[in-house]
Amino acid sequence: MLSEDIYICRDKDDNLAIETAIKGHAEFLVTRDDDIKFDKEVSSFLLRYGITVISLSKFIAIIDKS
């Protein structure tokens, strides 16, 4: 269950996506959302949880290499 305790982005939906990644112990947060991808504060925050923000194209490239 999400607590909606994270307020790092201006968009509430982005905060929910971030909380979901954290609670789901994600390795990556794959997104096309520029607000998430290019916000250094968000990236640093997620790295504390071992989560890397990555674009869809970069994620597909990682999968293709596997």
PDB file of N, CA and C in Angstrom:
ATOM      1  N   MET A   1       0.839  -1.181   0.000  1.00  0.00           N
ATOM      2  CA  MET A   1       0.000   0.000   0.000  1.00  0.00           C
ATOM      3  C   MET A   1       0.887   1.249   0.000  1.00  0.00           C
ATOM      4  N   LEU A   2       0.511   2.224  -0.795  1.00  0.00           N
ATOM      5  CA  LEU A   2       1.287   3.452  -0.885  1.00  0.00           C
ATOM      6  C   LEU A   2       0.860   4.434   0.200  1.00  0.00           C
ATOM      7  N   SER A   3       1.836   5.104   0.769  1.00  0.00           N
ATOM      8  CA  SER A   3       1.561   6.041   1.859  1.00  0.00           C
ATOM      9  C   SER A   3       1.449   7.480   1.374  1.00  0.00           C
ATOM     10  N   GLU A   4       1.918   7.734   0.153  1.00  0.00           N
ATOM     11  CA  GLU A   4       1.964   9.081  -0.419  1.00  0.00           C
ATOM     12  C   GLU A   4       2.785  10.024   0.457  1.00  0.00           C
ATOM     13  N   ASP A   5       3.857   9.498   1.054  1.00  0.00           N
ATOM     14  CA  ASP A   5       4.736  10.280   1.924  1.00  0.00           C
ATOM     15  C   ASP A   5       5.880  10.952   1.175  1.00  0.00           C
ATOM     16  N   ILE A   6       6.033  10.668  -0.098  1.00  0.00           N
ATOM     17  CA  ILE A   6       7.153  11.213  -0.864  1.00  0.00           C
ATOM     18  C   ILE A   6       6.673  12.432  -1.646  1.00  0.00           C
ATOM     19  N   TYR A   7       7.373  13.545  -1.443  1.00  0.00           N
ATOM     20  CA  TYR A   7       7.021  14.806  -2.106  1.00  0.00           C
ATOM     21  C   TYR A   7       8.267  15.419  -2.730  1.00  0.00           C
ATOM     22  N   ILE A   8       8.889  14.700  -3.631  1.00  0.00           N
ATOM     23  CA  ILE A   8      10.121  15.196  -4.243  1.00  0.00           C
ATOM     24  C   ILE A   8       9.858  15.845  -5.606  1.00  0.00           C
ATOM     25  N   CYS A   9       8.769  15.459  -6.262  1.00  0.00           N
ATOM     26  CA  CYS A   9       8.408  16.018  -7.569  1.00  0.00           C
ATOM     27  C   CYS A   9       7.201  16.942  -7.430  1.00  0.00           C
ATOM     28  N   ARG A  10       7.053  17.828  -8.393  1.00  0.00           N
ATOM     29  CA  ARG A  10       5.896  18.726  -8.367  1.00  0.00           C
ATOM     30  C   ARG A  10       4.613  18.001  -8.762  1.00  0.00           C
ATOM     31  N   ASP A  11       4.756  16.909  -9.503  1.00  0.00           N
ATOM     32  CA  ASP A  11       3.612  16.129  -9.977  1.00  0.00           C
ATOM     33  C   ASP A  11       3.336  14.974  -9.015  1.00  0.00           C
ATOM     34  N   LYS A  12       2.130  14.933  -8.486  1.00  0.00           N
ATOM     35  CA  LYS A  12       1.749  13.891  -7.520  1.00  0.00           C
ATOM     36  C   LYS A  12       1.923  12.493  -8.117  1.00  0.00           C
ATOM     37  N   ASP A  13       1.586  12.327  -9.393  1.00  0.00           N
ATOM     38  CA  ASP A  13       1.721  11.013 -10.031  1.00  0.00           C
ATOM     39  C   ASP A  13       3.184  10.568 -10.097  1.00  0.00           C
ATOM     40  N   ASP A  14       4.091  11.517 -10.307  1.00  0.00           N
ATOM     41  CA  ASP A  14       5.520  11.184 -10.315  1.00  0.00           C
ATOM     42  C   ASP A  14       5.957  10.700  -8.939  1.00  0.00           C
ATOM     43  N   ASN A  15       5.472  11.357  -7.901  1.00  0.00           N
ATOM     44  CA  ASN A  15       5.795  10.931  -6.536  1.00  0.00           C
ATOM     45  C   ASN A  15       5.297   9.515  -6.270  1.00  0.00           C
ATOM     46  N   LEU A  16       4.128   9.179  -6.786  1.00  0.00           N
ATOM     47  CA  LEU A  16       3.595   7.821  -6.610  1.00  0.00           C
ATOM     48  C   LEU A  16       4.453   6.798  -7.356  1.00  0.00           C
ATOM     49  N   ALA A  17       4.919   7.159  -8.546  1.00  0.00           N
ATOM     50  CA  ALA A  17       5.795   6.254  -9.304  1.00  0.00           C
ATOM     51  C   ALA A  17       7.102   6.022  -8.552  1.00  0.00           C
ATOM     52  N   ILE A  18       7.631   7.073  -7.961  1.00  0.00           N
ATOM     53  CA  ILE A  18       8.871   6.958  -7.185  1.00  0.00           C
ATOM     54  C   ILE A  18       8.651   6.089  -5.959  1.00  0.00           C
ATOM     55  N   GLU A  19       7.565   6.314  -5.253  1.00  0.00           N
ATOM     56  CA  GLU A  19       7.268   5.498  -4.071  1.00  0.00           C
ATOM     57  C   GLU A  19       7.069   4.035  -4.452  1.00  0.00           C
ATOM     58  N   THR A  20       6.408   3.785  -5.571  1.00  0.00           N
ATOM     59  CA  THR A  20       6.199   2.414  -6.040  1.00  0.00           C
ATOM     60  C   THR A  20       7.535   1.734  -6.329  1.00  0.00           C
ATOM     61  N   ALA A  21       8.447   2.448  -6.975  1.00  0.00           N
ATOM     62  CA  ALA A  21       9.776   1.890  -7.267  1.00  0.00           C
ATOM     63  C   ALA A  21      10.516   1.549  -5.980  1.00  0.00           C
ATOM     64  N   ILE A  22      10.426   2.425  -4.999  1.00  0.00           N
ATOM     65  CA  ILE A  22      11.106   2.193  -3.720  1.00  0.00           C
ATOM     66  C   ILE A  22      10.500   0.998  -2.997  1.00  0.00           C
ATOM     67  N   LYS A  23       9.193   0.987  -2.868  1.00  0.00           N
ATOM     68  CA  LYS A  23       8.535  -0.099  -2.129  1.00  0.00           C
ATOM     69  C   LYS A  23       8.630  -1.431  -2.863  1.00  0.00           C
ATOM     70  N   GLY A  24       8.783  -1.368  -4.191  1.00  0.00           N
ATOM     71  CA  GLY A  24       8.917  -2.587  -4.980  1.00  0.00           C
ATOM     72  C   GLY A  24      10.353  -3.050  -5.124  1.00  0.00           C
ATOM     73  N   HIS A  25      11.272  -2.341  -4.480  1.00  0.00           N
ATOM     74  CA  HIS A  25      12.701  -2.686  -4.522  1.00  0.00           C
ATOM     75  C   HIS A  25      13.206  -2.781  -5.962  1.00  0.00           C
ATOM     76  N   ALA A  26      12.799  -1.802  -6.774  1.00  0.00           N
ATOM     77  CA  ALA A  26      13.190  -1.780  -8.183  1.00  0.00           C
ATOM     78  C   ALA A  26      14.673  -1.475  -8.335  1.00  0.00           C
ATOM     79  N   GLU A  27      15.242  -1.994  -9.392  1.00  0.00           N
ATOM     80  CA  GLU A  27      16.623  -1.656  -9.744  1.00  0.00           C
ATOM     81  C   GLU A  27      16.642  -0.425 -10.644  1.00  0.00           C
ATOM     82  N   PHE A  28      15.598  -0.302 -11.467  1.00  0.00           N
ATOM     83  CA  PHE A  28      15.477   0.815 -12.397  1.00  0.00           C
ATOM     84  C   PHE A  28      14.098   1.439 -12.278  1.00  0.00           C
ATOM     85  N   LEU A  29      14.037   2.745 -12.516  1.00  0.00           N
ATOM     86  CA  LEU A  29      12.770   3.427 -12.751  1.00  0.00           C
ATOM     87  C   LEU A  29      12.826   3.846 -14.211  1.00  0.00           C
ATOM     88  N   VAL A  30      12.103   3.121 -15.053  1.00  0.00           N
ATOM     89  CA  VAL A  30      12.107   3.353 -16.492  1.00  0.00           C
ATOM     90  C   VAL A  30      11.005   4.357 -16.796  1.00  0.00           C
ATOM     91  N   THR A  31      11.389   5.466 -17.426  1.00  0.00           N
ATOM     92  CA  THR A  31      10.410   6.520 -17.657  1.00  0.00           C
ATOM     93  C   THR A  31      10.732   7.327 -18.904  1.00  0.00           C
ATOM     94  N   ARG A  32       9.692   7.912 -19.475  1.00  0.00           N
ATOM     95  CA  ARG A  32       9.853   8.884 -20.558  1.00  0.00           C
ATOM     96  C   ARG A  32       9.611  10.296 -20.028  1.00  0.00           C
ATOM     97  N   ASP A  33       9.323  10.404 -18.742  1.00  0.00           N
ATOM     98  CA  ASP A  33       8.994  11.674 -18.100  1.00  0.00           C
ATOM     99  C   ASP A  33      10.268  12.490 -17.848  1.00  0.00           C
ATOM    100  N   ASP A  34      10.397  13.611 -18.554  1.00  0.00           N
ATOM    101  CA  ASP A  34      11.591  14.446 -18.416  1.00  0.00           C
ATOM    102  C   ASP A  34      11.740  15.023 -17.014  1.00  0.00           C
ATOM    103  N   ASP A  35      10.624  15.278 -16.328  1.00  0.00           N
ATOM    104  CA  ASP A  35      10.695  15.802 -14.957  1.00  0.00           C
ATOM    105  C   ASP A  35      11.426  14.834 -14.041  1.00  0.00           C
ATOM    106  N   ILE A  36      11.272  13.561 -14.281  1.00  0.00           N
ATOM    107  CA  ILE A  36      11.960  12.557 -13.463  1.00  0.00           C
ATOM    108  C   ILE A  36      13.369  12.313 -14.008  1.00  0.00           C
ATOM    109  N   LYS A  37      13.489  12.136 -15.321  1.00  0.00           N
ATOM    110  CA  LYS A  37      14.780  11.770 -15.922  1.00  0.00           C
ATOM    111  C   LYS A  37      15.877  12.802 -15.702  1.00  0.00           C
ATOM    112  N   PHE A  38      15.539  14.073 -15.756  1.00  0.00           N
ATOM    113  CA  PHE A  38      16.571  15.111 -15.738  1.00  0.00           C
ATOM    114  C   PHE A  38      16.676  15.866 -14.418  1.00  0.00           C
ATOM    115  N   ASP A  39      15.944  15.437 -13.414  1.00  0.00           N
ATOM    116  CA  ASP A  39      16.003  16.093 -12.102  1.00  0.00           C
ATOM    117  C   ASP A  39      17.080  15.411 -11.257  1.00  0.00           C
ATOM    118  N   LYS A  40      18.183  16.099 -11.042  1.00  0.00           N
ATOM    119  CA  LYS A  40      19.310  15.516 -10.302  1.00  0.00           C
ATOM    120  C   LYS A  40      18.941  15.189  -8.857  1.00  0.00           C
ATOM    121  N   GLU A  41      18.048  15.969  -8.268  1.00  0.00           N
ATOM    122  CA  GLU A  41      17.611  15.695  -6.896  1.00  0.00           C
ATOM    123  C   GLU A  41      16.857  14.367  -6.832  1.00  0.00           C
ATOM    124  N   VAL A  42      15.995  14.126  -7.807  1.00  0.00           N
ATOM    125  CA  VAL A  42      15.245  12.868  -7.860  1.00  0.00           C
ATOM    126  C   VAL A  42      16.200  11.699  -8.077  1.00  0.00           C
ATOM    127  N   SER A  43      17.125  11.845  -9.023  1.00  0.00           N
ATOM    128  CA  SER A  43      18.088  10.767  -9.293  1.00  0.00           C
ATOM    129  C   SER A  43      18.918  10.442  -8.060  1.00  0.00           C
ATOM    130  N   SER A  44      19.396  11.468  -7.373  1.00  0.00           N
ATOM    131  CA  SER A  44      20.192  11.256  -6.155  1.00  0.00           C
ATOM    132  C   SER A  44      19.367  10.592  -5.065  1.00  0.00           C
ATOM    133  N   PHE A  45      18.129  11.025  -4.915  1.00  0.00           N
ATOM    134  CA  PHE A  45      17.225  10.446  -3.921  1.00  0.00           C
ATOM    135  C   PHE A  45      17.025   8.958  -4.194  1.00  0.00           C
ATOM    136  N   LEU A  46      16.763   8.610  -5.445  1.00  0.00           N
ATOM    137  CA  LEU A  46      16.517   7.211  -5.795  1.00  0.00           C
ATOM    138  C   LEU A  46      17.776   6.358  -5.679  1.00  0.00           C
ATOM    139  N   LEU A  47      18.921   6.929  -5.963  1.00  0.00           N
ATOM    140  CA  LEU A  47      20.173   6.173  -5.834  1.00  0.00           C
ATOM    141  C   LEU A  47      20.411   5.716  -4.399  1.00  0.00           C
ATOM    142  N   ARG A  48      19.889   6.458  -3.427  1.00  0.00           N
ATOM    143  CA  ARG A  48      20.001   6.036  -2.024  1.00  0.00           C
ATOM    144  C   ARG A  48      19.294   4.705  -1.786  1.00  0.00           C
ATOM    145  N   TYR A  49      18.340   4.394  -2.657  1.00  0.00           N
ATOM    146  CA  TYR A  49      17.598   3.136  -2.570  1.00  0.00           C
ATOM    147  C   TYR A  49      18.089   2.125  -3.602  1.00  0.00           C
ATOM    148  N   GLY A  50      19.173   2.440  -4.292  1.00  0.00           N
ATOM    149  CA  GLY A  50      19.724   1.540  -5.298  1.00  0.00           C
ATOM    150  C   GLY A  50      18.957   1.542  -6.603  1.00  0.00           C
ATOM    151  N   ILE A  51      18.212   2.611  -6.856  1.00  0.00           N
ATOM    152  CA  ILE A  51      17.376   2.703  -8.057  1.00  0.00           C
ATOM    153  C   ILE A  51      17.985   3.720  -9.017  1.00  0.00           C
ATOM    154  N   THR A  52      18.140   3.304 -10.266  1.00  0.00           N
ATOM    155  CA  THR A  52      18.656   4.171 -11.318  1.00  0.00           C
ATOM    156  C   THR A  52      17.508   4.613 -12.210  1.00  0.00           C
ATOM    157  N   VAL A  53      17.418   5.922 -12.453  1.00  0.00           N
ATOM    158  CA  VAL A  53      16.425   6.456 -13.390  1.00  0.00           C
ATOM    159  C   VAL A  53      16.996   6.285 -14.787  1.00  0.00           C
ATOM    160  N   ILE A  54      16.196   5.718 -15.672  1.00  0.00           N
ATOM    161  CA  ILE A  54      16.693   5.384 -17.006  1.00  0.00           C
ATOM    162  C   ILE A  54      15.575   5.561 -18.033  1.00  0.00           C
ATOM    163  N   SER A  55      15.957   5.950 -19.241  1.00  0.00           N
ATOM    164  CA  SER A  55      14.980   6.090 -20.322  1.00  0.00           C
ATOM    165  C   SER A  55      14.605   4.706 -20.855  1.00  0.00           C
ATOM    166  N   LEU A  56      13.493   4.654 -21.539  1.00  0.00           N
ATOM    167  CA  LEU A  56      13.031   3.394 -22.117  1.00  0.00           C
ATOM    168  C   LEU A  56      14.042   2.854 -23.126  1.00  0.00           C
ATOM    169  N   SER A  57      14.584   3.735 -23.956  1.00  0.00           N
ATOM    170  CA  SER A  57      15.540   3.270 -24.977  1.00  0.00           C
ATOM    171  C   SER A  57      16.809   2.694 -24.341  1.00  0.00           C
ATOM    172  N   LYS A  58      17.288   3.307 -23.273  1.00  0.00           N
ATOM    173  CA  LYS A  58      18.475   2.772 -22.593  1.00  0.00           C
ATOM    174  C   LYS A  58      18.162   1.447 -21.909  1.00  0.00           C
ATOM    175  N   PHE A  59      16.964   1.325 -21.364  1.00  0.00           N
ATOM    176  CA  PHE A  59      16.569   0.075 -20.715  1.00  0.00           C
ATOM    177  C   PHE A  59      16.486  -1.054 -21.740  1.00  0.00           C
ATOM    178  N   ILE A  60      15.921  -0.765 -22.899  1.00  0.00           N
ATOM    179  CA  ILE A  60      15.831  -1.771 -23.962  1.00  0.00           C
ATOM    180  C   ILE A  60      17.232  -2.188 -24.407  1.00  0.00           C
ATOM    181  N   ALA A  61      18.143  -1.237 -24.491  1.00  0.00           N
ATOM    182  CA  ALA A  61      19.526  -1.565 -24.869  1.00  0.00           C
ATOM    183  C   ALA A  61      20.165  -2.498 -23.840  1.00  0.00           C
ATOM    184  N   ILE A  62      19.884  -2.277 -22.568  1.00  0.00           N
ATOM    185  CA  ILE A  62      20.405  -3.159 -21.512  1.00  0.00           C
ATOM    186  C   ILE A  62      19.834  -4.560 -21.660  1.00  0.00           C
ATOM    187  N   ILE A  63      18.545  -4.646 -21.918  1.00  0.00           N
ATOM    188  CA  ILE A  63      17.893  -5.949 -22.074  1.00  0.00           C
ATOM    189  C   ILE A  63      18.443  -6.681 -23.297  1.00  0.00           C
ATOM    190  N   ASP A  64      18.632  -5.946 -24.388  1.00  0.00           N
ATOM    191  CA  ASP A  64      19.153  -6.561 -25.613  1.00  0.00           C
ATOM    192  C   ASP A  64      20.551  -7.144 -25.419  1.00  0.00           C
ATOM    193  N   LYS A  65      21.339  -6.556 -24.534  1.00  0.00           N
ATOM    194  CA  LYS A  65      22.692  -7.053 -24.267  1.00  0.00           C
ATOM    195  C   LYS A  65      22.681  -8.318 -23.422  1.00  0.00           C
ATOM    196  N   SER A  66      21.582  -8.551 -22.716  1.00  0.00           N
ATOM    197  CA  SER A  66      21.497  -9.725 -21.820  1.00  0.00           C
ATOM    198  C   SER A  66      21.328 -11.006 -22.588  1.00  0.00           C
TER     199      SER A  66
END
